[in-house]
């Protein structure tokens, strides 16, 4: 059984393309093209199901036409409309650290050398000049700069980011006084 922590989201199938079962695929991560992977994982009815790739071709930097094994008609392809697509994290481990995309980091644990475990990355905010890890720290949202100079290690297999943050960036030890 494939578990949520074993995969990370890389895109969504949009709609069928043509009559032979091809699917339009909008992706945020082209890792399926950069590492050896024979399959993609779809979330169907809350269950992660692998589907073997027959072939794919890029239409733009963020879209591709994908042919899944066993999906040979437009009717069968329609079943995949708006289905989320995931990639196995174990294959992402084969990627060099510079080849990882921000989507890979969602679900990673963040450890800081002085403060220990800070929590899990729930999203990566790329809407500003400074990319931020959004971390769930004891139920609170913690924003941490995703800067290379702060990252000491990335354990891709265990999905742990070890960081050394500048003094004062985290105010975790401060207590409010009345």
Protein backbone atom coordinates (compact mmCIF):
# COMPACT_ATOMS: atom_id res chain seq x y z
CA UNK A 1 0.00 0.00 0.00
CA UNK A 2 1.32 3.44 -0.95
CA UNK A 3 1.23 5.95 1.90
CA UNK A 4 1.03 9.77 1.70
CA UNK A 5 4.53 10.12 3.17
CA UNK A 6 5.92 7.94 0.35
CA UNK A 7 4.86 10.37 -2.39
CA UNK A 8 4.66 14.07 -3.18
CA UNK A 9 2.35 15.93 -5.50
CA UNK A 10 3.74 16.97 -8.88
CA UNK A 11 0.62 18.01 -10.78
CA UNK A 12 -2.84 17.17 -12.03
CA UNK A 13 -4.36 15.48 -15.07
CA UNK A 14 -6.66 17.95 -16.77
CA UNK A 15 -8.68 16.31 -19.52
CA UNK A 16 -8.35 13.77 -22.32
CA UNK A 17 -6.48 14.76 -25.45
CA UNK A 18 -7.60 13.04 -28.63
CA UNK A 19 -9.28 9.65 -28.89
CA UNK A 20 -6.45 7.27 -27.96
CA UNK A 21 -6.36 7.86 -24.19
CA UNK A 22 -3.79 10.63 -23.91
CA UNK A 23 -4.17 13.00 -20.99
CA UNK A 24 -3.27 16.65 -20.68
CA UNK A 25 -1.02 16.93 -17.62
CA UNK A 26 -0.20 20.19 -15.84
CA UNK A 27 2.85 19.68 -13.63
CA UNK A 28 4.78 21.71 -11.10
CA UNK A 29 7.73 19.33 -11.12
CA UNK A 30 9.22 17.59 -14.17
CA UNK A 31 11.06 15.02 -12.04
CA UNK A 32 9.36 12.24 -14.01
CA UNK A 33 11.55 13.31 -16.94
CA UNK A 34 14.77 13.80 -14.94
CA UNK A 35 15.03 10.49 -13.09
CA UNK A 36 14.29 6.90 -14.03
CA UNK A 37 10.68 6.25 -13.11
CA UNK A 38 8.36 3.95 -14.96
CA UNK A 39 5.17 5.09 -13.29
CA UNK A 40 3.20 7.98 -11.81
CA UNK A 41 0.84 7.71 -8.88
CA UNK A 42 -2.74 8.98 -8.95
CA UNK A 43 -4.99 9.57 -5.99
CA UNK A 44 -8.28 7.85 -6.81
CA UNK A 45 -11.02 7.75 -4.17
CA UNK A 46 -8.45 8.53 -1.47
CA UNK A 47 -6.16 5.67 -2.47
CA UNK A 48 -2.77 6.06 -4.15
CA UNK A 49 -2.64 3.93 -7.31
CA UNK A 50 0.43 3.56 -9.58
CA UNK A 51 0.01 3.78 -13.36
CA UNK A 52 2.79 2.87 -15.76
CA UNK A 53 3.84 5.50 -18.27
CA UNK A 54 3.59 4.33 -21.86
CA UNK A 55 4.88 7.62 -23.28
CA UNK A 56 4.75 11.37 -22.81
CA UNK A 57 5.67 14.51 -24.71
CA UNK A 58 6.01 18.07 -23.54
CA UNK A 59 3.74 20.81 -24.84
CA UNK A 60 5.23 23.63 -22.72
CA UNK A 61 7.35 24.13 -19.61
CA UNK A 62 4.38 23.14 -17.42
CA UNK A 63 2.21 20.83 -19.55
CA UNK A 64 2.68 17.47 -21.18
CA UNK A 65 0.57 14.91 -22.96
CA UNK A 66 0.77 11.61 -21.10
CA UNK A 67 -0.23 8.13 -22.23
CA UNK A 68 -0.78 5.66 -19.39
CA UNK A 69 -0.58 1.93 -19.94
CA UNK A 70 -4.06 0.42 -20.27
CA UNK A 71 -5.77 3.76 -20.94
CA UNK A 72 -6.55 3.49 -24.64
CA UNK A 73 -9.79 5.44 -25.17
CA UNK A 74 -10.99 8.97 -24.53
CA UNK A 75 -13.76 7.53 -22.36
CA UNK A 76 -11.27 5.71 -20.11
CA UNK A 77 -9.05 8.83 -20.02
CA UNK A 78 -12.02 10.95 -18.86
CA UNK A 79 -11.92 9.04 -15.56
CA UNK A 80 -8.62 10.83 -14.83
CA UNK A 81 -9.97 14.38 -15.31
CA UNK A 82 -8.83 16.59 -12.40
CA UNK A 83 -7.01 13.69 -10.70
CA UNK A 84 -3.97 14.68 -8.64
CA UNK A 85 -0.67 13.15 -9.75
CA UNK A 86 2.09 12.18 -7.33
CA UNK A 87 5.64 10.97 -7.66
CA UNK A 88 7.35 8.33 -5.49
CA UNK A 89 9.71 10.03 -3.06
CA UNK A 90 12.13 7.08 -3.28
CA UNK A 91 12.84 7.94 -6.93
CA UNK A 92 13.34 11.59 -6.05
CA UNK A 93 16.21 10.41 -3.84
CA UNK A 94 18.06 9.65 -7.09
CA UNK A 95 17.95 13.32 -8.02
CA UNK A 96 20.90 15.48 -7.07
CA UNK A 97 20.03 18.12 -4.42
CA UNK A 98 20.14 20.87 -7.08
CA UNK A 99 17.55 18.97 -9.14
CA UNK A 100 14.88 18.92 -6.43
CA UNK A 101 11.92 21.23 -6.86
CA UNK A 102 10.11 23.06 -4.06
CA UNK A 103 7.25 20.52 -4.14
CA UNK A 104 9.61 17.83 -2.86
CA UNK A 105 10.08 19.71 0.44
CA UNK A 106 6.38 19.66 1.39
CA UNK A 107 6.10 17.00 4.08
CA UNK A 108 9.76 17.23 5.10
CA UNK A 109 10.71 17.68 8.76
CA UNK A 110 12.81 20.73 9.58
CA UNK A 111 15.48 20.42 12.25
CA UNK A 112 17.45 23.41 13.44
CA UNK A 113 20.90 22.75 14.94
CA UNK A 114 20.21 24.73 18.16
CA UNK A 115 16.43 24.35 18.54
CA UNK A 116 15.95 20.75 17.33
CA UNK A 117 12.77 19.64 15.55
CA UNK A 118 10.75 22.61 14.29
CA UNK A 119 7.98 20.66 12.55
CA UNK A 120 6.80 19.71 9.09
CA UNK A 121 6.87 21.83 5.95
CA UNK A 122 3.21 22.28 4.96
CA UNK A 123 3.93 24.41 1.90
CA UNK A 124 6.64 26.40 0.19
CA UNK A 125 5.79 30.06 -0.44
CA UNK A 126 7.40 31.23 -3.68
CA UNK A 127 5.20 34.31 -4.11
CA UNK A 128 7.88 36.70 -2.85
CA UNK A 129 11.52 37.25 -3.75
CA UNK A 130 12.55 35.22 -0.69
CA UNK A 131 11.22 31.68 -0.85
CA UNK A 132 9.88 30.52 2.52
CA UNK A 133 9.26 27.15 4.10
CA UNK A 134 5.89 27.28 5.86
CA UNK A 135 6.36 25.01 8.88
CA UNK A 136 3.73 23.72 11.29
CA UNK A 137 5.43 24.43 14.63
CA UNK A 138 3.23 23.15 17.47
CA UNK A 139 0.07 24.24 15.65
CA UNK A 140 1.49 27.65 14.73
CA UNK A 141 2.68 28.71 11.28
CA UNK A 142 6.41 29.36 11.23
CA UNK A 143 7.99 31.04 8.19
CA UNK A 144 11.60 30.05 7.57
CA UNK A 145 13.74 31.42 4.73
CA UNK A 146 14.56 28.60 2.31
CA UNK A 147 18.04 29.96 1.70
CA UNK A 148 20.86 27.68 0.65
CA UNK A 149 23.27 29.25 3.16
CA UNK A 150 20.97 28.19 6.05
CA UNK A 151 20.58 24.58 4.89
CA UNK A 152 23.24 22.28 6.34
CA UNK A 153 21.90 18.95 5.07
CA UNK A 154 19.00 17.44 3.14
CA UNK A 155 18.26 13.81 3.94
CA UNK A 156 16.18 12.95 0.89
CA UNK A 157 15.50 9.39 2.00
CA UNK A 158 14.05 10.38 5.38
CA UNK A 159 12.79 13.79 4.17
CA UNK A 160 14.62 15.82 6.83
CA UNK A 161 16.10 19.28 6.28
CA UNK A 162 18.77 20.30 8.78
CA UNK A 163 19.19 24.06 9.03
CA UNK A 164 21.37 26.48 10.95
CA UNK A 165 19.48 29.74 11.24
CA UNK A 166 20.97 33.09 12.28
CA UNK A 167 20.62 34.10 15.92
CA UNK A 168 17.36 35.96 16.49
CA UNK A 169 15.59 34.69 13.39
CA UNK A 170 13.55 32.30 15.50
CA UNK A 171 11.93 33.69 18.63
CA UNK A 172 10.95 30.29 20.00
CA UNK A 173 12.41 30.80 23.47
CA UNK A 174 10.76 34.14 24.12
CA UNK A 175 7.86 34.15 26.53
CA UNK A 176 5.33 36.90 26.86
CA UNK A 177 5.44 38.76 30.14
CA UNK A 178 2.41 40.66 31.40
